Each structure stands twice: as C-alpha cells, then as structure tokens.
C-alpha cells in the first residue's frame, strides 16, 4: 500500500470519528440530528470522491514517470 492510500484511509477514518463524536455530543433534537447526518454524509462522500480522484491522478503520474 502506498503513502497516498494510507493518507486517504487515515483521512476517512478521522472524518468518520469526528462526525460520530460530534453527533453523540450534540444537544440537538432527533430531526435536526438526522438532517445533520445527511448533510455531513454528503459532504464526506464528496470529500472522499475528490480525494480519490486526486490520488488516482497522482498514481497515474507516478506510473508514467
């Protein structure tokens, strides 16, 4: 496993842990919490997709250099 993959995994794990802890300690109603989960989940998915795209481009560049 290369360093880029390790960084992506660590970033994903950190984001999941942060979101989980934030939701556990947030003093919000159930509906607000569900809305927050949906919003943060979408942001997380977008962030992972963006990081994956960047990692993919880096791997391609490394492979051809």
PDB file of N, CA and C in Angstrom:
ATOM      1  N   UNK A   1       0.850  -1.165   0.000  1.00  0.00           N
ATOM      2  CA  UNK A   1       0.000   0.000   0.000  1.00  0.00           C
ATOM      3  C   UNK A   1       0.901   1.235   0.000  1.00  0.00           C
ATOM      4  N   UNK A   2       0.621   2.164  -0.919  1.00  0.00           N
ATOM      5  CA  UNK A   2       1.475   3.340  -0.998  1.00  0.00           C
ATOM      6  C   UNK A   2       1.023   4.410  -0.005  1.00  0.00           C
ATOM      7  N   UNK A   3       1.819   5.451   0.111  1.00  0.00           N
ATOM      8  CA  UNK A   3       1.546   6.502   1.098  1.00  0.00           C
ATOM      9  C   UNK A   3       0.242   7.231   0.819  1.00  0.00           C
ATOM     10  N   UNK A   4      -0.096   7.413  -0.444  1.00  0.00           N
ATOM     11  CA  UNK A   4      -1.327   8.118  -0.792  1.00  0.00           C
ATOM     12  C   UNK A   4      -2.544   7.368  -0.265  1.00  0.00           C
ATOM     13  N   UNK A   5      -2.554   6.064  -0.434  1.00  0.00           N
ATOM     14  CA  UNK A   5      -3.666   5.251   0.049  1.00  0.00           C
ATOM     15  C   UNK A   5      -3.752   5.311   1.570  1.00  0.00           C
ATOM     16  N   UNK A   6      -2.608   5.288   2.237  1.00  0.00           N
ATOM     17  CA  UNK A   6      -2.597   5.363   3.698  1.00  0.00           C
ATOM     18  C   UNK A   6      -3.166   6.695   4.180  1.00  0.00           C
ATOM     19  N   UNK A   7      -2.811   7.770   3.494  1.00  0.00           N
ATOM     20  CA  UNK A   7      -3.318   9.094   3.858  1.00  0.00           C
ATOM     21  C   UNK A   7      -4.827   9.152   3.657  1.00  0.00           C
ATOM     22  N   UNK A   8      -5.316   8.607   2.549  1.00  0.00           N
ATOM     23  CA  UNK A   8      -6.760   8.609   2.290  1.00  0.00           C
ATOM     24  C   UNK A   8      -7.516   7.821   3.353  1.00  0.00           C
ATOM     25  N   UNK A   9      -6.982   6.679   3.729  1.00  0.00           N
ATOM     26  CA  UNK A   9      -7.635   5.860   4.755  1.00  0.00           C
ATOM     27  C   UNK A   9      -7.637   6.592   6.089  1.00  0.00           C
ATOM     28  N   UNK A  10      -6.520   7.204   6.445  1.00  0.00           N
ATOM     29  CA  UNK A  10      -6.440   7.940   7.704  1.00  0.00           C
ATOM     30  C   UNK A  10      -7.397   9.127   7.706  1.00  0.00           C
ATOM     31  N   UNK A  11      -7.487   9.843   6.587  1.00  0.00           N
ATOM     32  CA  UNK A  11      -8.397  10.988   6.495  1.00  0.00           C
ATOM     33  C   UNK A  11      -9.847  10.534   6.626  1.00  0.00           C
ATOM     34  N   UNK A  12     -10.188   9.452   5.974  1.00  0.00           N
ATOM     35  CA  UNK A  12     -11.552   8.931   6.053  1.00  0.00           C
ATOM     36  C   UNK A  12     -11.887   8.494   7.479  1.00  0.00           C
ATOM     37  N   UNK A  13     -10.970   7.798   8.118  1.00  0.00           N
ATOM     38  CA  UNK A  13     -11.198   7.345   9.488  1.00  0.00           C
ATOM     39  C   UNK A  13     -11.346   8.532  10.437  1.00  0.00           C
ATOM     40  N   UNK A  14     -10.521   9.540  10.260  1.00  0.00           N
ATOM     41  CA  UNK A  14     -10.608  10.726  11.100  1.00  0.00           C
ATOM     42  C   UNK A  14     -11.917  11.467  10.910  1.00  0.00           C
ATOM     43  N   UNK A  15     -12.353  11.567   9.669  1.00  0.00           N
ATOM     44  CA  UNK A  15     -13.618  12.249   9.388  1.00  0.00           C
ATOM     45  C   UNK A  15     -14.793  11.496   9.997  1.00  0.00           C
ATOM     46  N   UNK A  16     -14.795  10.192   9.867  1.00  0.00           N
ATOM     47  CA  UNK A  16     -15.876   9.381  10.434  1.00  0.00           C
ATOM     48  C   UNK A  16     -15.891   9.512  11.951  1.00  0.00           C
ATOM     49  N   UNK A  17     -14.729   9.438  12.576  1.00  0.00           N
ATOM     50  CA  UNK A  17     -14.657   9.562  14.030  1.00  0.00           C
ATOM     51  C   UNK A  17     -15.125  10.944  14.482  1.00  0.00           C
ATOM     52  N   UNK A  18     -14.713  11.978  13.780  1.00  0.00           N
ATOM     53  CA  UNK A  18     -15.127  13.331  14.134  1.00  0.00           C
ATOM     54  C   UNK A  18     -16.616  13.537  14.005  1.00  0.00           C
ATOM     55  N   UNK A  19     -17.179  13.037  12.929  1.00  0.00           N
ATOM     56  CA  UNK A  19     -18.623  13.157  12.727  1.00  0.00           C
ATOM     57  C   UNK A  19     -19.380  12.398  13.814  1.00  0.00           C
ATOM     58  N   UNK A  20     -18.935  11.190  14.096  1.00  0.00           N
ATOM     59  CA  UNK A  20     -19.603  10.372  15.112  1.00  0.00           C
ATOM     60  C   UNK A  20     -19.549  11.044  16.482  1.00  0.00           C
ATOM     61  N   UNK A  21     -18.401  11.522  16.887  1.00  0.00           N
ATOM     62  CA  UNK A  21     -18.289  12.184  18.186  1.00  0.00           C
ATOM     63  C   UNK A  21     -19.096  13.469  18.227  1.00  0.00           C
ATOM     64  N   UNK A  22     -19.084  14.216  17.154  1.00  0.00           N
ATOM     65  CA  UNK A  22     -19.863  15.443  17.100  1.00  0.00           C
ATOM     66  C   UNK A  22     -21.348  15.187  17.257  1.00  0.00           C
ATOM     67  N   UNK A  23     -21.829  14.141  16.622  1.00  0.00           N
ATOM     68  CA  UNK A  23     -23.251  13.818  16.718  1.00  0.00           C
ATOM     69  C   UNK A  23     -23.622  13.272  18.095  1.00  0.00           C
ATOM     70  N   UNK A  24     -22.728  12.504  18.689  1.00  0.00           N
ATOM     71  CA  UNK A  24     -23.008  11.937  20.004  1.00  0.00           C
ATOM     72  C   UNK A  24     -23.114  13.021  21.081  1.00  0.00           C
ATOM     73  N   UNK A  25     -22.332  14.045  20.949  1.00  0.00           N
ATOM     74  CA  UNK A  25     -22.306  15.082  21.974  1.00  0.00           C
ATOM     75  C   UNK A  25     -23.106  16.328  21.609  1.00  0.00           C
ATOM     76  N   UNK A  26     -23.741  16.323  20.474  1.00  0.00           N
ATOM     77  CA  UNK A  26     -24.517  17.487  20.040  1.00  0.00           C
ATOM     78  C   UNK A  26     -25.869  17.514  20.757  1.00  0.00           C
ATOM     79  N   UNK A  27     -26.216  18.654  21.317  1.00  0.00           N
ATOM     80  CA  UNK A  27     -27.514  18.756  22.005  1.00  0.00           C
ATOM     81  C   UNK A  27     -28.622  19.154  21.033  1.00  0.00           C
ATOM     82  N   UNK A  28     -28.947  18.276  20.090  1.00  0.00           N
ATOM     83  CA  UNK A  28     -29.960  18.590  19.086  1.00  0.00           C
ATOM     84  C   UNK A  28     -31.100  17.578  19.143  1.00  0.00           C
ATOM     85  N   UNK A  29     -32.234  17.975  18.596  1.00  0.00           N
ATOM     86  CA  UNK A  29     -33.382  17.077  18.516  1.00  0.00           C
ATOM     87  C   UNK A  29     -33.123  16.013  17.459  1.00  0.00           C
ATOM     88  N   UNK A  30     -33.909  14.963  17.476  1.00  0.00           N
ATOM     89  CA  UNK A  30     -33.739  13.850  16.549  1.00  0.00           C
ATOM     90  C   UNK A  30     -33.792  14.258  15.088  1.00  0.00           C
ATOM     91  N   UNK A  31     -34.768  15.091  14.730  1.00  0.00           N
ATOM     92  CA  UNK A  31     -34.905  15.517  13.336  1.00  0.00           C
ATOM     93  C   UNK A  31     -33.699  16.343  12.896  1.00  0.00           C
ATOM     94  N   UNK A  32     -33.242  17.227  13.777  1.00  0.00           N
ATOM     95  CA  UNK A  32     -32.065  18.035  13.464  1.00  0.00           C
ATOM     96  C   UNK A  32     -30.831  17.156  13.314  1.00  0.00           C
ATOM     97  N   UNK A  33     -30.721  16.162  14.177  1.00  0.00           N
ATOM     98  CA  UNK A  33     -29.577  15.244  14.102  1.00  0.00           C
ATOM     99  C   UNK A  33     -29.596  14.464  12.804  1.00  0.00           C
ATOM    100  N   UNK A  34     -30.768  13.991  12.398  1.00  0.00           N
ATOM    101  CA  UNK A  34     -30.868  13.254  11.138  1.00  0.00           C
ATOM    102  C   UNK A  34     -30.501  14.143   9.948  1.00  0.00           C
ATOM    103  N   UNK A  35     -30.968  15.387   9.968  1.00  0.00           N
ATOM    104  CA  UNK A  35     -30.607  16.324   8.897  1.00  0.00           C
ATOM    105  C   UNK A  35     -29.095  16.549   8.865  1.00  0.00           C
ATOM    106  N   UNK A  36     -28.513  16.678  10.039  1.00  0.00           N
ATOM    107  CA  UNK A  36     -27.064  16.876  10.131  1.00  0.00           C
ATOM    108  C   UNK A  36     -26.324  15.665   9.601  1.00  0.00           C
ATOM    109  N   UNK A  37     -26.803  14.470   9.952  1.00  0.00           N
ATOM    110  CA  UNK A  37     -26.168  13.239   9.465  1.00  0.00           C
ATOM    111  C   UNK A  37     -26.204  13.200   7.941  1.00  0.00           C
ATOM    112  N   UNK A  38     -27.343  13.523   7.354  1.00  0.00           N
ATOM    113  CA  UNK A  38     -27.466  13.507   5.896  1.00  0.00           C
ATOM    114  C   UNK A  38     -26.526  14.526   5.254  1.00  0.00           C
ATOM    115  N   UNK A  39     -26.493  15.722   5.823  1.00  0.00           N
ATOM    116  CA  UNK A  39     -25.642  16.775   5.274  1.00  0.00           C
ATOM    117  C   UNK A  39     -24.165  16.400   5.388  1.00  0.00           C
ATOM    118  N   UNK A  40     -23.766  15.963   6.566  1.00  0.00           N
ATOM    119  CA  UNK A  40     -22.358  15.599   6.783  1.00  0.00           C
ATOM    120  C   UNK A  40     -21.985  14.372   5.954  1.00  0.00           C
ATOM    121  N   UNK A  41     -22.908  13.443   5.815  1.00  0.00           N
ATOM    122  CA  UNK A  41     -22.642  12.262   4.998  1.00  0.00           C
ATOM    123  C   UNK A  41     -22.383  12.635   3.546  1.00  0.00           C
ATOM    124  N   UNK A  42     -23.169  13.563   3.023  1.00  0.00           N
ATOM    125  CA  UNK A  42     -22.966  14.011   1.644  1.00  0.00           C
ATOM    126  C   UNK A  42     -21.633  14.732   1.511  1.00  0.00           C
ATOM    127  N   UNK A  43     -21.334  15.606   2.476  1.00  0.00           N
ATOM    128  CA  UNK A  43     -20.050  16.314   2.446  1.00  0.00           C
ATOM    129  C   UNK A  43     -18.891  15.319   2.504  1.00  0.00           C
ATOM    130  N   UNK A  44     -19.021  14.315   3.352  1.00  0.00           N
ATOM    131  CA  UNK A  44     -17.983  13.297   3.497  1.00  0.00           C
ATOM    132  C   UNK A  44     -17.805  12.522   2.195  1.00  0.00           C
ATOM    133  N   UNK A  45     -18.910  12.121   1.582  1.00  0.00           N
ATOM    134  CA  UNK A  45     -18.840  11.374   0.323  1.00  0.00           C
ATOM    135  C   UNK A  45     -18.202  12.215  -0.774  1.00  0.00           C
ATOM    136  N   UNK A  46     -18.560  13.488  -0.841  1.00  0.00           N
ATOM    137  CA  UNK A  46     -17.965  14.381  -1.835  1.00  0.00           C
ATOM    138  C   UNK A  46     -16.466  14.547  -1.598  1.00  0.00           C
ATOM    139  N   UNK A  47     -16.086  14.687  -0.334  1.00  0.00           N
ATOM    140  CA  UNK A  47     -14.678  14.848   0.017  1.00  0.00           C
ATOM    141  C   UNK A  47     -13.878  13.598  -0.350  1.00  0.00           C
ATOM    142  N   UNK A  48     -14.416  12.430  -0.032  1.00  0.00           N
ATOM    143  CA  UNK A  48     -13.727  11.176  -0.363  1.00  0.00           C
ATOM    144  C   UNK A  48     -13.600  11.024  -1.873  1.00  0.00           C
ATOM    145  N   UNK A  49     -14.644  11.356  -2.608  1.00  0.00           N
ATOM    146  CA  UNK A  49     -14.593  11.258  -4.074  1.00  0.00           C
ATOM    147  C   UNK A  49     -13.521  12.188  -4.635  1.00  0.00           C
ATOM    148  N   UNK A  50     -13.431  13.400  -4.077  1.00  0.00           N
ATOM    149  CA  UNK A  50     -12.436  14.369  -4.532  1.00  0.00           C
ATOM    150  C   UNK A  50     -11.017  13.866  -4.201  1.00  0.00           C
ATOM    151  N   UNK A  51     -10.828  13.331  -3.003  1.00  0.00           N
ATOM    152  CA  UNK A  51      -9.520  12.805  -2.617  1.00  0.00           C
ATOM    153  C   UNK A  51      -9.145  11.588  -3.455  1.00  0.00           C
ATOM    154  N   UNK A  52     -10.122  10.733  -3.732  1.00  0.00           N
ATOM    155  CA  UNK A  52      -9.860   9.544  -4.538  1.00  0.00           C
ATOM    156  C   UNK A  52      -9.441   9.945  -5.948  1.00  0.00           C
ATOM    157  N   UNK A  53     -10.119  10.957  -6.487  1.00  0.00           N
ATOM    158  CA  UNK A  53      -9.775  11.428  -7.830  1.00  0.00           C
ATOM    159  C   UNK A  53      -8.342  11.957  -7.849  1.00  0.00           C
ATOM    160  N   UNK A  54      -7.976  12.736  -6.830  1.00  0.00           N
ATOM    161  CA  UNK A  54      -6.622  13.268  -6.747  1.00  0.00           C
ATOM    162  C   UNK A  54      -5.587  12.161  -6.592  1.00  0.00           C
ATOM    163  N   UNK A  55      -5.903  11.173  -5.771  1.00  0.00           N
ATOM    164  CA  UNK A  55      -4.975  10.052  -5.573  1.00  0.00           C
ATOM    165  C   UNK A  55      -4.816   9.264  -6.866  1.00  0.00           C
ATOM    166  N   UNK A  56      -5.908   9.079  -7.570  1.00  0.00           N
ATOM    167  CA  UNK A  56      -5.874   8.351  -8.837  1.00  0.00           C
ATOM    168  C   UNK A  56      -4.981   9.067  -9.844  1.00  0.00           C
ATOM    169  N   UNK A  57      -5.108  10.394  -9.892  1.00  0.00           N
ATOM    170  CA  UNK A  57      -4.266  11.171 -10.807  1.00  0.00           C
ATOM    171  C   UNK A  57      -2.795  11.087 -10.393  1.00  0.00           C
ATOM    172  N   UNK A  58      -2.523  11.123  -9.089  1.00  0.00           N
ATOM    173  CA  UNK A  58      -1.144  11.010  -8.604  1.00  0.00           C
ATOM    174  C   UNK A  58      -0.544   9.654  -8.961  1.00  0.00           C
ATOM    175  N   UNK A  59      -1.340   8.618  -8.814  1.00  0.00           N
ATOM    176  CA  UNK A  59      -0.859   7.261  -9.128  1.00  0.00           C
ATOM    177  C   UNK A  59      -0.539   7.161 -10.621  1.00  0.00           C
ATOM    178  N   UNK A  60      -1.407   7.732 -11.461  1.00  0.00           N
ATOM    179  CA  UNK A  60      -1.159   7.706 -12.897  1.00  0.00           C
ATOM    180  C   UNK A  60       0.125   8.443 -13.234  1.00  0.00           C
ATOM    181  N   UNK A  61       0.325   9.612 -12.607  1.00  0.00           N
ATOM    182  CA  UNK A  61       1.542  10.398 -12.860  1.00  0.00           C
ATOM    183  C   UNK A  61       2.790   9.624 -12.425  1.00  0.00           C
ATOM    184  N   UNK A  62       2.726   8.978 -11.261  1.00  0.00           N
ATOM    185  CA  UNK A  62       3.863   8.208 -10.747  1.00  0.00           C
ATOM    186  C   UNK A  62       4.151   7.014 -11.653  1.00  0.00           C
ATOM    187  N   UNK A  63       3.109   6.408 -12.189  1.00  0.00           N
ATOM    188  CA  UNK A  63       3.282   5.230 -13.022  1.00  0.00           C
ATOM    189  C   UNK A  63       3.967   5.565 -14.347  1.00  0.00           C
ATOM    190  N   UNK A  64       3.706   6.764 -14.860  1.00  0.00           N
ATOM    191  CA  UNK A  64       4.270   7.132 -16.157  1.00  0.00           C
ATOM    192  C   UNK A  64       5.557   7.949 -16.063  1.00  0.00           C
ATOM    193  N   UNK A  65       6.018   8.224 -14.872  1.00  0.00           N
ATOM    194  CA  UNK A  65       7.263   8.971 -14.695  1.00  0.00           C
ATOM    195  C   UNK A  65       8.386   8.072 -14.264  1.00  0.00           C
TER     196      UNK A  65
END
